[in-house]
Protein backbone atom coordinates (compact mmCIF):
# COMPACT_ATOMS: atom_id res chain seq x y z
CA MET A 1 39.39 5.74 -11.00
CA SER A 2 38.40 2.79 -12.28
CA ILE A 3 38.26 1.71 -16.36
CA LEU A 4 34.33 2.00 -16.35
CA ASP A 5 34.76 5.31 -15.02
CA ARG A 6 37.58 6.16 -17.31
CA THR A 7 35.36 4.65 -20.33
CA SER A 8 32.08 6.45 -19.57
CA GLN A 9 33.90 10.00 -19.55
CA ILE A 10 35.19 8.58 -22.76
CA LEU A 11 31.73 7.82 -23.78
CA ARG A 12 29.97 11.02 -22.83
CA ALA A 13 32.81 12.76 -24.41
CA ASN A 14 32.25 11.51 -27.84
CA ILE A 15 28.65 11.57 -27.74
CA ASN A 16 28.78 15.51 -27.04
CA ASP A 17 31.44 15.83 -29.72
CA LEU A 18 29.15 14.01 -31.90
CA LEU A 19 25.88 15.98 -30.99
CA ASN A 20 27.71 19.12 -31.73
CA ARG A 21 28.86 18.20 -35.12
CA ALA A 22 25.45 17.74 -35.73
CA GLU A 23 26.30 14.60 -37.68
CA ASP A 24 24.27 12.24 -39.37
CA PRO A 25 22.01 10.67 -36.75
CA GLU A 26 22.46 6.85 -38.20
CA LYS A 27 26.27 7.58 -38.16
CA MET A 28 26.36 9.30 -34.66
CA LEU A 29 24.05 6.31 -33.19
CA ASN A 30 26.60 3.71 -34.79
CA GLN A 31 29.44 5.28 -33.15
CA ILE A 32 27.96 5.70 -30.17
CA LEU A 33 27.16 1.61 -29.83
CA ARG A 34 31.08 0.86 -30.87
CA ASP A 35 32.13 3.04 -27.99
CA MET A 36 29.45 1.30 -25.45
CA GLU A 37 30.92 -2.53 -27.34
CA ASP A 38 34.46 -1.18 -26.77
CA ALA A 39 33.55 0.21 -22.88
CA LEU A 40 31.70 -3.20 -22.19
CA ARG A 41 34.83 -5.38 -23.28
CA GLN A 42 37.24 -3.18 -21.15
CA GLY A 43 34.43 -3.48 -18.01
CA GLN A 44 34.68 -7.15 -18.75
CA SER A 45 38.15 -7.17 -18.54
CA GLN A 46 38.17 -5.13 -15.89
CA VAL A 47 35.69 -6.98 -13.81
CA ALA A 48 37.41 -10.58 -14.55
CA GLU A 49 40.87 -9.12 -13.08
CA GLN A 50 39.32 -8.08 -10.14
CA ILE A 51 37.83 -11.32 -9.62
CA ALA A 52 40.96 -12.86 -10.13
CA GLN A 53 42.51 -10.52 -7.34
CA GLU A 54 39.58 -11.55 -5.29
CA LYS A 55 40.44 -14.99 -5.47
CA MET A 56 44.10 -14.49 -4.79
CA ILE A 57 43.51 -12.85 -1.30
CA GLN A 58 41.20 -15.80 -0.66
CA HIS A 59 44.10 -18.32 -1.68
CA ASP A 60 46.25 -15.94 0.72
CA LEU A 61 43.53 -15.99 3.79
CA ASP A 62 43.09 -19.87 3.22
CA GLU A 63 46.93 -20.44 3.65
CA ALA A 64 47.32 -17.65 6.60
CA LYS A 65 44.93 -19.55 8.65
CA GLY A 66 46.55 -23.17 7.65
CA ASN A 67 49.51 -21.99 9.07
CA VAL A 68 47.93 -20.18 11.95
CA ASP A 69 46.85 -23.94 12.70
CA GLU A 70 49.78 -25.57 11.99
CA TRP A 71 52.04 -23.50 14.45
CA GLY A 72 49.65 -23.96 16.90
CA LYS A 73 49.81 -27.59 16.91
CA LYS A 74 53.83 -27.39 16.63
CA ALA A 75 53.18 -25.28 19.98
CA GLU A 76 50.98 -27.87 21.55
CA LEU A 77 53.64 -30.79 20.34
CA ALA A 78 56.76 -28.58 21.64
CA VAL A 79 54.77 -28.23 25.26
CA GLU A 80 54.02 -32.06 25.41
CA LYS A 81 58.03 -32.52 24.52
CA ASN A 82 59.16 -29.96 27.03
CA ARG A 83 60.43 -27.84 24.66
CA ASP A 84 59.36 -24.23 25.93
CA ASP A 85 61.82 -22.37 23.77
CA LEU A 86 60.16 -24.51 20.64
CA ALA A 87 56.74 -23.62 21.71
CA ARG A 88 57.30 -19.93 22.37
CA GLU A 89 58.65 -19.39 18.92
CA ALA A 90 56.00 -21.51 17.21
CA LEU A 91 53.24 -19.12 19.13
CA ARG A 92 55.34 -16.43 17.86
CA ARG A 93 54.81 -18.04 14.34
CA GLN A 94 51.07 -18.46 14.78
CA GLY A 95 50.79 -14.76 16.36
CA ASP A 96 52.39 -13.43 12.70
CA TYR A 97 50.24 -15.74 10.90
CA THR A 98 46.81 -14.92 13.06
CA ALA A 99 48.03 -11.22 11.67
CA GLN A 100 48.00 -11.90 8.47
CA VAL A 101 44.48 -13.60 8.47
CA GLU A 102 43.09 -10.59 9.44
CA ILE A 103 44.64 -8.16 7.29
CA TYR A 104 43.77 -10.64 4.49
CA GLN A 105 40.08 -10.45 5.73
CA LYS A 106 39.74 -6.86 5.44
CA GLN A 107 41.39 -6.45 2.18
CA LEU A 108 38.94 -9.56 1.15
CA GLU A 109 35.70 -7.93 2.11
CA ALA A 110 36.57 -4.60 0.50
CA GLN A 111 37.90 -6.71 -2.78
CA HIS A 112 34.65 -8.48 -2.93
CA GLN A 113 32.89 -5.11 -2.29
CA ALA A 114 35.18 -3.29 -5.10
CA VAL A 115 33.91 -6.50 -7.33
CA GLN A 116 30.28 -6.09 -6.96
CA LYS A 117 30.32 -2.73 -7.38
CA LEU A 118 31.95 -3.04 -10.57
CA LYS A 119 29.74 -6.29 -11.51
CA ALA A 120 26.96 -3.52 -10.83
CA ASP A 121 28.28 -0.71 -13.16
CA LEU A 122 28.86 -3.40 -15.72
CA ASP A 123 25.27 -5.00 -15.65
CA SER A 124 24.23 -1.15 -16.09
CA LEU A 125 26.11 0.30 -18.91
CA GLU A 126 24.95 -3.98 -20.65
CA ALA A 127 21.93 -2.39 -20.04
CA LYS A 128 22.10 1.08 -21.59
CA TYR A 129 24.01 -0.85 -24.48
CA GLN A 130 21.01 -2.81 -24.96
CA ASP A 131 18.33 -0.26 -24.56
CA ALA A 132 20.46 1.57 -27.27
CA ARG A 133 20.53 -1.16 -29.52
CA ARG A 134 16.31 -1.51 -29.10
CA ASN A 135 15.78 2.45 -29.66
CA LYS A 136 18.03 3.21 -32.34
CA ASP A 137 16.08 2.58 -35.02
CA ALA A 138 13.21 4.68 -33.32
CA LEU A 139 15.53 7.39 -32.62
CA ILE A 140 16.72 7.66 -36.27
CA ALA A 141 12.91 7.81 -37.57
CA ARG A 142 12.61 10.92 -34.53
CA ALA A 143 15.94 12.56 -36.02
CA LYS A 144 14.71 12.26 -39.47
CA ARG A 145 11.12 13.80 -38.81
CA THR A 146 12.86 16.58 -36.88
CA GLU A 147 15.30 17.60 -39.95
CA ALA A 148 12.52 17.37 -42.28
CA LYS A 149 10.23 19.76 -40.15
CA LYS A 150 13.12 21.80 -40.07
CA GLN A 151 13.35 21.87 -44.03
CA ILE A 152 9.79 22.54 -44.21
CA SER A 153 9.78 25.38 -41.82
CA ALA A 154 12.69 26.67 -43.30
CA ALA A 155 11.20 27.07 -46.84
CA SER A 156 8.16 28.05 -45.26
CA ALA A 157 9.81 31.04 -43.69
CA LYS A 158 11.69 31.56 -47.18
CA ILE A 159 8.37 31.70 -48.75
CA SER A 160 6.61 33.93 -46.31
CA SER A 161 9.38 36.81 -46.72
CA VAL A 162 9.15 36.98 -50.16
CA ASP A 163 6.11 39.35 -51.20
CA TYR A 164 4.57 37.83 -55.09
CA SER A 165 1.76 40.07 -54.42
CA SER A 166 2.90 42.97 -56.37
CA ASP A 167 4.01 40.50 -59.08
CA LEU A 168 0.97 39.19 -59.45
CA ALA A 169 -1.27 42.35 -59.60
CA ARG A 170 1.06 43.37 -62.70
CA MET A 171 0.38 40.01 -64.10
CA GLU A 172 -3.33 40.41 -63.84
CA ARG A 173 -2.95 43.75 -65.08
CA ARG A 174 -1.03 42.90 -68.45
CA ILE A 175 -3.90 39.97 -68.55
CA GLU A 176 -6.58 42.68 -68.35
CA GLU A 177 -4.80 44.83 -71.00
CA GLU A 178 -4.66 42.48 -72.99
CA GLU A 179 -8.41 41.15 -73.13
CA ALA A 180 -9.24 44.71 -73.43
CA ARG A 181 -7.21 45.31 -76.79
CA ALA A 182 -8.85 41.55 -78.09
CA GLU A 183 -12.19 43.06 -77.09
CA ALA A 184 -11.61 46.40 -78.95
CA ASN A 185 -10.56 44.77 -82.22
CA ASP A 186 -13.23 42.54 -82.26
CA GLU A 187 -15.49 45.23 -81.82
CA VAL A 188 -13.69 47.32 -84.54
CA LYS A 189 -14.23 44.58 -87.10
CA LYS A 190 -17.90 44.53 -86.15
CA ALA A 191 -18.32 47.94 -86.50
CA SER A 192 -16.04 47.92 -89.94
CA MET A 193 -18.54 45.27 -91.19
CA ASP A 194 -21.47 46.81 -90.05
CA ASP A 195 -20.80 50.07 -91.97
CA GLU A 196 -20.11 47.76 -95.20
CA PHE A 197 -23.79 46.29 -94.90
CA LYS A 198 -25.03 49.72 -94.03
CA ALA A 199 -23.11 51.33 -96.95
CA LEU A 200 -24.77 48.45 -99.54
CA GLY A 201 -28.19 49.22 -97.75
CA ASP A 202 -27.83 52.97 -98.59
CA ASN A 203 -26.59 52.24 -102.28
CA ASP A 204 -29.91 50.32 -102.28
CA ALA A 205 -32.01 53.06 -101.67
CA VAL A 206 -30.42 55.49 -103.65
CA GLU A 207 -30.84 53.28 -106.87
CA ASP A 208 -34.68 52.86 -106.04
CA LYS A 209 -35.22 56.70 -105.63
CA LEU A 210 -33.19 57.44 -109.01
CA ALA A 211 -35.46 54.83 -110.80
CA GLU A 212 -38.51 56.23 -109.51
CA LEU A 213 -37.45 59.84 -110.35
CA LYS A 214 -36.93 58.43 -114.02
CA LYS A 215 -40.60 56.94 -114.43
CA LYS A 216 -41.85 60.29 -112.79
CA MET A 217 -40.32 62.01 -115.55
CA GLY A 218 -40.96 59.17 -118.53
CA LYS A 219 -37.22 58.26 -119.06
């Protein structure tokens, strides 16, 4: 497993852990970005190492090809000098280096593919990192809106679960009773005052009758 695969797994694990713990969205996203930055640094180091190995294989391949040419020339020189023994040895050496060339070519091809794969993975991680950076503020705003909706919903549910109608009815009844008492007091005061005025009127009538009676009797 490449280091990019391992860092990707660690990154996903960290994200899942943060989500499960329902931490503050801004802290969570900042932590995710830091994890992605670490993954990018490790990925860049891994890619650089693999490129270096590719160059080393290329160097070994070039050196093996040079040896093939060199021992071929030595074999030709030995034949010219009628040194078949040396020619045979040179050809054997040339064959060994030819085999090395084939091995190095296969290794180089495999290494090149591995490097290209790592580069593609790194580019993908870089794109995701840049996308996360661009969308961080929008994601934080969405998370805050969602939290506000949850709080409003919870408050609404709490209010809905309590029945205030009976309390309001009792309060209304008390207010009506107080209003009735106030009206009764006003009526009592008004009646008392009317009685006083009526009494004054009755006294005047009696006095008038008494004066009339006295006058009639000559007194």
